Amino acid sequence: MSEERKIKIGLYGAGGILGWKSVLNNSASYEIVDFRDKKAREIFRNDDWNPDPDRPCRDKPPCSICGKIEYSDEDIRKFEELHKK
């Protein structure tokens, strides 16, 4: 597969993203589009919606159903300690 044709988001990643979008919209249904179809790709060309806090987008959804969660320095220290093991 050529470099430009590498899949950026697979079927399961798309399902996860659309699943989260559904949760945030009262269980609305979303179709997973076949992006091999050029017309389908064009509809979503400028869609940058994503829940990843490290990736920018115009309308950032929360990463949690609880909204923005603030972590204390102690929370972060405990997390880092836990993952050192």
C-alpha atoms as a PDB file:
ATOM      1  CA  MET A   1       0.000   0.000   0.000  1.00  0.00           C
ATOM      2  CA  SER A   2       1.443   3.377  -0.933  1.00  0.00           C
ATOM      3  CA  GLU A   3       2.265   5.935   1.775  1.00  0.00           C
ATOM      4  CA  GLU A   4      -0.651   8.171   0.745  1.00  0.00           C
ATOM      5  CA  ARG A   5      -3.126   5.273   0.886  1.00  0.00           C
ATOM      6  CA  LYS A   6      -2.321   4.123   4.425  1.00  0.00           C
ATOM      7  CA  ILE A   7      -5.432   3.890   6.568  1.00  0.00           C
ATOM      8  CA  LYS A   8      -5.393   6.544   9.283  1.00  0.00           C
ATOM      9  CA  ILE A   9      -8.501   5.374  11.188  1.00  0.00           C
ATOM     10  CA  GLY A  10      -9.616   1.772  10.909  1.00  0.00           C
ATOM     11  CA  LEU A  11     -13.094   0.333  11.234  1.00  0.00           C
ATOM     12  CA  TYR A  12     -12.804  -0.144  15.004  1.00  0.00           C
ATOM     13  CA  GLY A  13     -11.399   3.337  15.615  1.00  0.00           C
ATOM     14  CA  ALA A  14     -14.195   4.866  13.566  1.00  0.00           C
ATOM     15  CA  GLY A  15     -16.733   2.853  15.549  1.00  0.00           C
ATOM     16  CA  GLY A  16     -15.248   4.108  18.809  1.00  0.00           C
ATOM     17  CA  ILE A  17     -15.280   7.743  17.712  1.00  0.00           C
ATOM     18  CA  LEU A  18     -18.823   7.505  16.370  1.00  0.00           C
ATOM     19  CA  GLY A  19     -19.897   5.584  19.469  1.00  0.00           C
ATOM     20  CA  TRP A  20     -18.687   8.472  21.635  1.00  0.00           C
ATOM     21  CA  LYS A  21     -20.441  10.958  19.368  1.00  0.00           C
ATOM     22  CA  SER A  22     -23.625   8.904  19.820  1.00  0.00           C
ATOM     23  CA  VAL A  23     -23.264   8.922  23.626  1.00  0.00           C
ATOM     24  CA  LEU A  24     -22.979  12.704  23.590  1.00  0.00           C
ATOM     25  CA  ASN A  25     -26.062  13.029  21.355  1.00  0.00           C
ATOM     26  CA  ASN A  26     -28.636  10.922  23.233  1.00  0.00           C
ATOM     27  CA  SER A  27     -27.731   7.663  21.463  1.00  0.00           C
ATOM     28  CA  ALA A  28     -28.139   9.067  17.949  1.00  0.00           C
ATOM     29  CA  SER A  29     -27.216   6.622  15.171  1.00  0.00           C
ATOM     30  CA  TYR A  30     -24.251   7.329  12.914  1.00  0.00           C
ATOM     31  CA  GLU A  31     -23.336   5.412   9.788  1.00  0.00           C
ATOM     32  CA  ILE A  32     -19.743   4.306   9.347  1.00  0.00           C
ATOM     33  CA  VAL A  33     -19.061   5.562   5.855  1.00  0.00           C
ATOM     34  CA  ASP A  34     -17.140   3.591   3.236  1.00  0.00           C
ATOM     35  CA  PHE A  35     -14.267   5.996   2.627  1.00  0.00           C
ATOM     36  CA  ARG A  36     -13.203   4.071  -0.454  1.00  0.00           C
ATOM     37  CA  ASP A  37     -16.066   5.984  -2.119  1.00  0.00           C
ATOM     38  CA  LYS A  38     -14.776   9.393  -3.250  1.00  0.00           C
ATOM     39  CA  LYS A  39     -18.187  11.088  -2.755  1.00  0.00           C
ATOM     40  CA  ALA A  40     -18.356   9.817   0.834  1.00  0.00           C
ATOM     41  CA  ARG A  41     -14.841  11.101   1.531  1.00  0.00           C
ATOM     42  CA  GLU A  42     -15.695  14.521   0.143  1.00  0.00           C
ATOM     43  CA  ILE A  43     -18.625  14.954   2.553  1.00  0.00           C
ATOM     44  CA  PHE A  44     -16.263  14.470   5.503  1.00  0.00           C
ATOM     45  CA  ARG A  45     -13.186  16.196   4.079  1.00  0.00           C
ATOM     46  CA  ASN A  46     -13.228  19.055   6.624  1.00  0.00           C
ATOM     47  CA  ASP A  47     -14.706  17.090   9.525  1.00  0.00           C
ATOM     48  CA  ASP A  48     -12.115  17.329  12.290  1.00  0.00           C
ATOM     49  CA  TRP A  49     -14.405  16.296  15.193  1.00  0.00           C
ATOM     50  CA  ASN A  50     -12.464  14.162  17.639  1.00  0.00           C
ATOM     51  CA  PRO A  51     -12.369  13.544  21.399  1.00  0.00           C
ATOM     52  CA  ASP A  52      -8.546  13.376  21.580  1.00  0.00           C
ATOM     53  CA  PRO A  53      -7.378  16.161  23.920  1.00  0.00           C
ATOM     54  CA  ASP A  54      -4.050  16.364  22.061  1.00  0.00           C
ATOM     55  CA  ARG A  55      -5.598  16.902  18.609  1.00  0.00           C
ATOM     56  CA  PRO A  56      -7.224  20.236  17.808  1.00  0.00           C
ATOM     57  CA  CYS A  57     -10.704  20.567  16.352  1.00  0.00           C
ATOM     58  CA  ARG A  58     -13.283  23.318  16.011  1.00  0.00           C
ATOM     59  CA  ASP A  59     -15.914  21.824  18.347  1.00  0.00           C
ATOM     60  CA  LYS A  60     -13.997  19.812  20.962  1.00  0.00           C
ATOM     61  CA  PRO A  61     -16.204  17.253  22.729  1.00  0.00           C
ATOM     62  CA  PRO A  62     -15.489  16.271  26.324  1.00  0.00           C
ATOM     63  CA  CYS A  63     -13.291  13.213  26.889  1.00  0.00           C
ATOM     64  CA  SER A  64     -15.612  12.089  29.685  1.00  0.00           C
ATOM     65  CA  ILE A  65     -19.358  12.082  30.276  1.00  0.00           C
ATOM     66  CA  CYS A  66     -18.452  13.997  33.452  1.00  0.00           C
ATOM     67  CA  GLY A  67     -17.079  16.873  31.353  1.00  0.00           C
ATOM     68  CA  LYS A  68     -13.611  18.313  31.893  1.00  0.00           C
ATOM     69  CA  ILE A  69     -11.834  16.557  34.730  1.00  0.00           C
ATOM     70  CA  GLU A  70      -9.085  18.369  36.589  1.00  0.00           C
ATOM     71  CA  TYR A  71      -6.320  16.198  38.014  1.00  0.00           C
ATOM     72  CA  SER A  72      -4.282  17.221  41.020  1.00  0.00           C
ATOM     73  CA  ASP A  73      -0.508  16.883  41.096  1.00  0.00           C
ATOM     74  CA  GLU A  74      -1.048  14.002  43.536  1.00  0.00           C
ATOM     75  CA  ASP A  75      -3.374  12.232  41.051  1.00  0.00           C
ATOM     76  CA  ILE A  76      -0.756  12.564  38.318  1.00  0.00           C
ATOM     77  CA  ARG A  77       2.030  11.356  40.631  1.00  0.00           C
ATOM     78  CA  LYS A  78       0.000   8.264  41.603  1.00  0.00           C
ATOM     79  CA  PHE A  79      -0.809   7.532  37.956  1.00  0.00           C
ATOM     80  CA  GLU A  80       2.843   7.794  36.930  1.00  0.00           C
ATOM     81  CA  GLU A  81       3.912   5.620  39.866  1.00  0.00           C
ATOM     82  CA  LEU A  82       1.330   2.981  38.979  1.00  0.00           C
ATOM     83  CA  HIS A  83       2.538   2.817  35.368  1.00  0.00           C
ATOM     84  CA  LYS A  84       6.217   2.477  36.288  1.00  0.00           C
ATOM     85  CA  LYS A  85       5.570  -1.081  37.495  1.00  0.00           C
END
